[in-house]
Structures are given as structure tokens and as C-alpha cells.
């Protein structure tokens, strides 16, 4: 299997990763201590992000890509 390691300090080579980091920052701002955050809130946001279609994945959700299943989201 071929692996690709982007160069250090080149965020434009890690598109989906950088996009996901931005989405996470909406719920968990930088510098915020998440040890006080309830586990059920973290799990809800985890599921919310995994069921969100992404342009970089051909408008499929990360769940669909990982499990190779098509979801019918309304």
C-alpha cells in the first residue's frame, strides 16, 4: 500500500484534515478544556460530523466512505 506524507507546514496538502479541524473548532474552541465537557455532548458532535456530507469525499459522508454504505439522508 502506498502512503503519502505531506510536507511539514503545508496545510493545503491536507485538505480534508484541515477542514475537519475547522469543523471541530466550531464545537470545541482552541484553548478550551474539554475535560469538563459531558461525554454525551462529545458523542453527539462526533456522530453529527460523521454524518455530514463532504465535498472532498464526493458529497458522501465519512461514514459512507468508511463503511462503503449509502445513506439516504433527508
PDB file of N, CA and C in Angstrom:
ATOM      1  N   UNK A   1       0.842  -1.163   0.000  1.00  0.00           N
ATOM      2  CA  UNK A   1       0.000   0.000   0.000  1.00  0.00           C
ATOM      3  C   UNK A   1       0.897   1.238   0.000  1.00  0.00           C
ATOM      4  N   UNK A   2       0.536   2.211  -0.790  1.00  0.00           N
ATOM      5  CA  UNK A   2       1.281   3.456  -0.870  1.00  0.00           C
ATOM      6  C   UNK A   2       0.767   4.446   0.159  1.00  0.00           C
ATOM      7  N   UNK A   3       1.667   5.084   0.873  1.00  0.00           N
ATOM      8  CA  UNK A   3       1.326   6.111   1.844  1.00  0.00           C
ATOM      9  C   UNK A   3       1.839   7.450   1.355  1.00  0.00           C
ATOM     10  N   UNK A   4       1.106   8.485   1.676  1.00  0.00           N
ATOM     11  CA  UNK A   4       1.517   9.835   1.318  1.00  0.00           C
ATOM     12  C   UNK A   4       1.678  10.646   2.590  1.00  0.00           C
ATOM     13  N   UNK A   5       2.837  11.246   2.770  1.00  0.00           N
ATOM     14  CA  UNK A   5       3.088  12.109   3.909  1.00  0.00           C
ATOM     15  C   UNK A   5       3.315  13.522   3.395  1.00  0.00           C
ATOM     16  N   UNK A   6       2.377  14.444   3.639  1.00  0.00           N
ATOM     17  CA  UNK A   6       2.568  15.820   3.161  1.00  0.00           C
ATOM     18  C   UNK A   6       3.743  16.483   3.873  1.00  0.00           C
ATOM     19  N   UNK A   7       4.308  17.450   3.209  1.00  0.00           N
ATOM     20  CA  UNK A   7       5.438  18.187   3.776  1.00  0.00           C
ATOM     21  C   UNK A   7       4.997  18.968   5.012  1.00  0.00           C
ATOM     22  N   UNK A   8       5.891  19.122   5.987  1.00  0.00           N
ATOM     23  CA  UNK A   8       5.552  19.929   7.171  1.00  0.00           C
ATOM     24  C   UNK A   8       5.230  21.369   6.776  1.00  0.00           C
ATOM     25  N   UNK A   9       4.300  21.952   7.466  1.00  0.00           N
ATOM     26  CA  UNK A   9       3.891  23.349   7.262  1.00  0.00           C
ATOM     27  C   UNK A   9       3.273  23.580   5.881  1.00  0.00           C
ATOM     28  N   UNK A  10       2.615  22.563   5.329  1.00  0.00           N
ATOM     29  CA  UNK A  10       1.894  22.688   4.062  1.00  0.00           C
ATOM     30  C   UNK A  10       0.441  22.244   4.272  1.00  0.00           C
ATOM     31  N   UNK A  11      -0.373  23.056   4.966  1.00  0.00           N
ATOM     32  CA  UNK A  11      -1.748  22.636   5.253  1.00  0.00           C
ATOM     33  C   UNK A  11      -2.598  22.442   3.998  1.00  0.00           C
ATOM     34  N   UNK A  12      -2.244  23.086   2.879  1.00  0.00           N
ATOM     35  CA  UNK A  12      -3.028  22.926   1.659  1.00  0.00           C
ATOM     36  C   UNK A  12      -2.897  21.522   1.083  1.00  0.00           C
ATOM     37  N   UNK A  13      -1.937  20.735   1.561  1.00  0.00           N
ATOM     38  CA  UNK A  13      -1.780  19.349   1.110  1.00  0.00           C
ATOM     39  C   UNK A  13      -2.587  18.381   1.975  1.00  0.00           C
ATOM     40  N   UNK A  14      -3.230  18.903   3.010  1.00  0.00           N
ATOM     41  CA  UNK A  14      -4.024  18.069   3.918  1.00  0.00           C
ATOM     42  C   UNK A  14      -5.447  18.613   3.984  1.00  0.00           C
ATOM     43  N   UNK A  15      -6.092  18.715   2.850  1.00  0.00           N
ATOM     44  CA  UNK A  15      -7.393  19.373   2.748  1.00  0.00           C
ATOM     45  C   UNK A  15      -8.459  18.861   3.682  1.00  0.00           C
ATOM     46  N   UNK A  16      -8.774  17.585   3.616  1.00  0.00           N
ATOM     47  CA  UNK A  16      -9.856  17.036   4.441  1.00  0.00           C
ATOM     48  C   UNK A  16      -9.498  17.145   5.922  1.00  0.00           C
ATOM     49  N   UNK A  17      -8.235  16.905   6.254  1.00  0.00           N
ATOM     50  CA  UNK A  17      -7.801  17.005   7.644  1.00  0.00           C
ATOM     51  C   UNK A  17      -7.976  18.420   8.174  1.00  0.00           C
ATOM     52  N   UNK A  18      -7.542  19.410   7.409  1.00  0.00           N
ATOM     53  CA  UNK A  18      -7.667  20.798   7.845  1.00  0.00           C
ATOM     54  C   UNK A  18      -9.132  21.228   7.928  1.00  0.00           C
ATOM     55  N   UNK A  19      -9.953  20.747   6.994  1.00  0.00           N
ATOM     56  CA  UNK A  19     -11.378  21.065   7.025  1.00  0.00           C
ATOM     57  C   UNK A  19     -12.020  20.481   8.273  1.00  0.00           C
ATOM     58  N   UNK A  20     -11.682  19.247   8.596  1.00  0.00           N
ATOM     59  CA  UNK A  20     -12.241  18.597   9.780  1.00  0.00           C
ATOM     60  C   UNK A  20     -11.805  19.325  11.048  1.00  0.00           C
ATOM     61  N   UNK A  21     -10.556  19.760  11.094  1.00  0.00           N
ATOM     62  CA  UNK A  21     -10.099  20.532  12.252  1.00  0.00           C
ATOM     63  C   UNK A  21     -10.926  21.801  12.421  1.00  0.00           C
ATOM     64  N   UNK A  22     -11.236  22.469  11.323  1.00  0.00           N
ATOM     65  CA  UNK A  22     -12.064  23.669  11.382  1.00  0.00           C
ATOM     66  C   UNK A  22     -13.463  23.369  11.883  1.00  0.00           C
ATOM     67  N   UNK A  23     -14.031  22.260  11.430  1.00  0.00           N
ATOM     68  CA  UNK A  23     -15.364  21.876  11.893  1.00  0.00           C
ATOM     69  C   UNK A  23     -15.347  21.554  13.384  1.00  0.00           C
ATOM     70  N   UNK A  24     -14.303  20.882  13.840  1.00  0.00           N
ATOM     71  CA  UNK A  24     -14.189  20.575  15.266  1.00  0.00           C
ATOM     72  C   UNK A  24     -14.072  21.838  16.107  1.00  0.00           C
ATOM     73  N   UNK A  25     -13.405  22.854  15.591  1.00  0.00           N
ATOM     74  CA  UNK A  25     -13.225  24.108  16.323  1.00  0.00           C
ATOM     75  C   UNK A  25     -14.548  24.844  16.527  1.00  0.00           C
ATOM     76  N   UNK A  26     -15.557  24.545  15.702  1.00  0.00           N
ATOM     77  CA  UNK A  26     -16.874  25.154  15.909  1.00  0.00           C
ATOM     78  C   UNK A  26     -17.468  24.704  17.240  1.00  0.00           C
ATOM     79  N   UNK A  27     -17.219  23.446  17.599  1.00  0.00           N
ATOM     80  CA  UNK A  27     -17.791  22.870  18.819  1.00  0.00           C
ATOM     81  C   UNK A  27     -16.828  22.924  19.998  1.00  0.00           C
ATOM     82  N   UNK A  28     -15.531  22.839  19.699  1.00  0.00           N
ATOM     83  CA  UNK A  28     -14.508  22.801  20.736  1.00  0.00           C
ATOM     84  C   UNK A  28     -13.449  23.852  20.418  1.00  0.00           C
ATOM     85  N   UNK A  29     -13.685  25.116  20.849  1.00  0.00           N
ATOM     86  CA  UNK A  29     -12.742  26.202  20.531  1.00  0.00           C
ATOM     87  C   UNK A  29     -11.333  25.911  21.049  1.00  0.00           C
ATOM     88  N   UNK A  30     -10.362  26.432  20.328  1.00  0.00           N
ATOM     89  CA  UNK A  30      -8.970  26.256  20.698  1.00  0.00           C
ATOM     90  C   UNK A  30      -8.736  26.842  22.086  1.00  0.00           C
ATOM     91  N   UNK A  31      -8.029  26.103  22.916  1.00  0.00           N
ATOM     92  CA  UNK A  31      -7.727  26.566  24.265  1.00  0.00           C
ATOM     93  C   UNK A  31      -8.762  26.172  25.302  1.00  0.00           C
ATOM     94  N   UNK A  32      -9.918  25.640  24.844  1.00  0.00           N
ATOM     95  CA  UNK A  32     -10.955  25.237  25.796  1.00  0.00           C
ATOM     96  C   UNK A  32     -10.607  23.868  26.377  1.00  0.00           C
ATOM     97  N   UNK A  33     -10.770  23.733  27.663  1.00  0.00           N
ATOM     98  CA  UNK A  33     -10.510  22.462  28.335  1.00  0.00           C
ATOM     99  C   UNK A  33     -11.743  21.568  28.163  1.00  0.00           C
ATOM    100  N   UNK A  34     -11.583  20.468  27.433  1.00  0.00           N
ATOM    101  CA  UNK A  34     -12.748  19.610  27.168  1.00  0.00           C
ATOM    102  C   UNK A  34     -12.943  18.542  28.244  1.00  0.00           C
ATOM    103  N   UNK A  35     -12.098  18.542  29.264  1.00  0.00           N
ATOM    104  CA  UNK A  35     -12.284  17.544  30.322  1.00  0.00           C
ATOM    105  C   UNK A  35     -13.580  17.766  31.080  1.00  0.00           C
ATOM    106  N   UNK A  36     -14.105  19.000  31.049  1.00  0.00           N
ATOM    107  CA  UNK A  36     -15.373  19.298  31.728  1.00  0.00           C
ATOM    108  C   UNK A  36     -16.576  19.104  30.811  1.00  0.00           C
ATOM    109  N   UNK A  37     -16.331  18.777  29.540  1.00  0.00           N
ATOM    110  CA  UNK A  37     -17.413  18.607  28.569  1.00  0.00           C
ATOM    111  C   UNK A  37     -18.049  17.231  28.762  1.00  0.00           C
ATOM    112  N   UNK A  38     -19.377  17.166  28.869  1.00  0.00           N
ATOM    113  CA  UNK A  38     -20.052  15.874  29.054  1.00  0.00           C
ATOM    114  C   UNK A  38     -19.787  14.918  27.878  1.00  0.00           C
ATOM    115  N   UNK A  39     -19.583  13.666  28.195  1.00  0.00           N
ATOM    116  CA  UNK A  39     -19.293  12.651  27.184  1.00  0.00           C
ATOM    117  C   UNK A  39     -20.411  12.539  26.152  1.00  0.00           C
ATOM    118  N   UNK A  40     -21.673  12.679  26.556  1.00  0.00           N
ATOM    119  CA  UNK A  40     -22.775  12.570  25.601  1.00  0.00           C
ATOM    120  C   UNK A  40     -22.740  13.710  24.580  1.00  0.00           C
ATOM    121  N   UNK A  41     -22.298  14.909  24.983  1.00  0.00           N
ATOM    122  CA  UNK A  41     -22.159  16.035  24.043  1.00  0.00           C
ATOM    123  C   UNK A  41     -21.079  15.724  23.015  1.00  0.00           C
ATOM    124  N   UNK A  42     -19.947  15.202  23.472  1.00  0.00           N
ATOM    125  CA  UNK A  42     -18.859  14.851  22.560  1.00  0.00           C
ATOM    126  C   UNK A  42     -19.314  13.785  21.572  1.00  0.00           C
ATOM    127  N   UNK A  43     -20.030  12.783  22.040  1.00  0.00           N
ATOM    128  CA  UNK A  43     -20.514  11.716  21.165  1.00  0.00           C
ATOM    129  C   UNK A  43     -21.531  12.232  20.149  1.00  0.00           C
ATOM    130  N   UNK A  44     -22.415  13.156  20.559  1.00  0.00           N
ATOM    131  CA  UNK A  44     -23.381  13.742  19.623  1.00  0.00           C
ATOM    132  C   UNK A  44     -22.667  14.487  18.508  1.00  0.00           C
ATOM    133  N   UNK A  45     -21.650  15.270  18.855  1.00  0.00           N
ATOM    134  CA  UNK A  45     -20.896  16.029  17.847  1.00  0.00           C
ATOM    135  C   UNK A  45     -20.089  15.096  16.956  1.00  0.00           C
ATOM    136  N   UNK A  46     -19.571  14.024  17.512  1.00  0.00           N
ATOM    137  CA  UNK A  46     -18.853  13.001  16.749  1.00  0.00           C
ATOM    138  C   UNK A  46     -19.764  12.408  15.670  1.00  0.00           C
ATOM    139  N   UNK A  47     -20.967  12.026  16.056  1.00  0.00           N
ATOM    140  CA  UNK A  47     -21.923  11.465  15.096  1.00  0.00           C
ATOM    141  C   UNK A  47     -22.384  12.521  14.092  1.00  0.00           C
ATOM    142  N   UNK A  48     -22.596  13.746  14.559  1.00  0.00           N
ATOM    143  CA  UNK A  48     -23.020  14.824  13.672  1.00  0.00           C
ATOM    144  C   UNK A  48     -21.991  15.073  12.566  1.00  0.00           C
ATOM    145  N   UNK A  49     -20.723  15.091  12.926  1.00  0.00           N
ATOM    146  CA  UNK A  49     -19.673  15.313  11.928  1.00  0.00           C
ATOM    147  C   UNK A  49     -19.512  14.128  10.977  1.00  0.00           C
ATOM    148  N   UNK A  50     -19.690  12.913  11.477  1.00  0.00           N
ATOM    149  CA  UNK A  50     -19.539  11.732  10.624  1.00  0.00           C
ATOM    150  C   UNK A  50     -20.723  11.519   9.688  1.00  0.00           C
ATOM    151  N   UNK A  51     -21.825  12.190   9.956  1.00  0.00           N
ATOM    152  CA  UNK A  51     -22.993  12.074   9.072  1.00  0.00           C
ATOM    153  C   UNK A  51     -23.173  13.325   8.220  1.00  0.00           C
ATOM    154  N   UNK A  52     -22.153  14.181   8.161  1.00  0.00           N
ATOM    155  CA  UNK A  52     -22.193  15.410   7.372  1.00  0.00           C
ATOM    156  C   UNK A  52     -21.488  15.177   6.026  1.00  0.00           C
ATOM    157  N   UNK A  53     -22.208  15.368   4.905  1.00  0.00           N
ATOM    158  CA  UNK A  53     -21.568  15.180   3.595  1.00  0.00           C
ATOM    159  C   UNK A  53     -20.408  16.153   3.394  1.00  0.00           C
ATOM    160  N   UNK A  54     -19.357  15.673   2.737  1.00  0.00           N
ATOM    161  CA  UNK A  54     -18.170  16.488   2.487  1.00  0.00           C
ATOM    162  C   UNK A  54     -17.873  16.564   1.000  1.00  0.00           C
ATOM    163  N   UNK A  55     -17.573  17.750   0.528  1.00  0.00           N
ATOM    164  CA  UNK A  55     -17.253  17.965  -0.879  1.00  0.00           C
ATOM    165  C   UNK A  55     -16.044  17.118  -1.291  1.00  0.00           C
ATOM    166  N   UNK A  56     -15.019  17.077  -0.450  1.00  0.00           N
ATOM    167  CA  UNK A  56     -13.800  16.326  -0.749  1.00  0.00           C
ATOM    168  C   UNK A  56     -14.009  14.826  -0.833  1.00  0.00           C
ATOM    169  N   UNK A  57     -15.147  14.344  -0.358  1.00  0.00           N
ATOM    170  CA  UNK A  57     -15.474  12.921  -0.423  1.00  0.00           C
ATOM    171  C   UNK A  57     -16.556  12.662  -1.462  1.00  0.00           C
ATOM    172  N   UNK A  58     -16.723  13.583  -2.396  1.00  0.00           N
ATOM    173  CA  UNK A  58     -17.750  13.424  -3.430  1.00  0.00           C
ATOM    174  C   UNK A  58     -19.154  13.552  -2.872  1.00  0.00           C
ATOM    175  N   UNK A  59     -19.311  14.415  -1.883  1.00  0.00           N
ATOM    176  CA  UNK A  59     -20.591  14.665  -1.206  1.00  0.00           C
ATOM    177  C   UNK A  59     -21.140  13.427  -0.509  1.00  0.00           C
ATOM    178  N   UNK A  60     -20.247  12.534  -0.134  1.00  0.00           N
ATOM    179  CA  UNK A  60     -20.612  11.400   0.720  1.00  0.00           C
ATOM    180  C   UNK A  60     -20.210  11.759   2.140  1.00  0.00           C
ATOM    181  N   UNK A  61     -20.768  11.050   3.085  1.00  0.00           N
ATOM    182  CA  UNK A  61     -20.397  11.269   4.477  1.00  0.00           C
ATOM    183  C   UNK A  61     -19.170  10.420   4.796  1.00  0.00           C
ATOM    184  N   UNK A  62     -18.391  10.805   5.820  1.00  0.00           N
ATOM    185  CA  UNK A  62     -17.280   9.945   6.226  1.00  0.00           C
ATOM    186  C   UNK A  62     -17.750   8.535   6.576  1.00  0.00           C
ATOM    187  N   UNK A  63     -18.932   8.413   7.155  1.00  0.00           N
ATOM    188  CA  UNK A  63     -19.494   7.104   7.480  1.00  0.00           C
ATOM    189  C   UNK A  63     -19.675   6.262   6.214  1.00  0.00           C
ATOM    190  N   UNK A  64     -20.240   6.883   5.178  1.00  0.00           N
ATOM    191  CA  UNK A  64     -20.464   6.163   3.921  1.00  0.00           C
ATOM    192  C   UNK A  64     -19.153   5.697   3.304  1.00  0.00           C
ATOM    193  N   UNK A  65     -18.146   6.549   3.334  1.00  0.00           N
ATOM    194  CA  UNK A  65     -16.860   6.200   2.738  1.00  0.00           C
ATOM    195  C   UNK A  65     -16.193   5.085   3.533  1.00  0.00           C
ATOM    196  N   UNK A  66     -16.193   5.198   4.835  1.00  0.00           N
ATOM    197  CA  UNK A  66     -15.512   4.216   5.682  1.00  0.00           C
ATOM    198  C   UNK A  66     -16.189   2.847   5.617  1.00  0.00           C
ATOM    199  N   UNK A  67     -17.501   2.833   5.698  1.00  0.00           N
ATOM    200  CA  UNK A  67     -18.224   1.569   5.725  1.00  0.00           C
ATOM    201  C   UNK A  67     -18.753   1.149   4.355  1.00  0.00           C
ATOM    202  N   UNK A  68     -18.527   1.975   3.331  1.00  0.00           N
ATOM    203  CA  UNK A  68     -18.976   1.695   1.961  1.00  0.00           C
ATOM    204  C   UNK A  68     -20.476   1.432   1.903  1.00  0.00           C
ATOM    205  N   UNK A  69     -21.234   2.212   2.652  1.00  0.00           N
ATOM    206  CA  UNK A  69     -22.689   2.115   2.658  1.00  0.00           C
ATOM    207  C   UNK A  69     -23.259   3.454   2.222  1.00  0.00           C
ATOM    208  N   UNK A  70     -24.339   3.419   1.467  1.00  0.00           N
ATOM    209  CA  UNK A  70     -25.005   4.641   1.043  1.00  0.00           C
ATOM    210  C   UNK A  70     -26.126   4.941   2.017  1.00  0.00           C
ATOM    211  N   UNK A  71     -26.129   6.166   2.534  1.00  0.00           N
ATOM    212  CA  UNK A  71     -27.183   6.595   3.446  1.00  0.00           C
ATOM    213  C   UNK A  71     -28.187   7.433   2.682  1.00  0.00           C
ATOM    214  N   UNK A  72     -29.415   7.372   3.075  1.00  0.00           N
ATOM    215  CA  UNK A  72     -30.467   8.190   2.469  1.00  0.00           C
ATOM    216  C   UNK A  72     -30.872   9.246   3.492  1.00  0.00           C
ATOM    217  N   UNK A  73     -30.096  10.338   3.494  1.00  0.00           N
ATOM    218  CA  UNK A  73     -30.354  11.410   4.454  1.00  0.00           C
ATOM    219  C   UNK A  73     -31.308  12.423   3.839  1.00  0.00           C
ATOM    220  N   UNK A  74     -32.251  12.849   4.620  1.00  0.00           N
ATOM    221  CA  UNK A  74     -33.228  13.818   4.110  1.00  0.00           C
ATOM    222  C   UNK A  74     -32.931  15.195   4.627  1.00  0.00           C
TER     223      UNK A  74
END
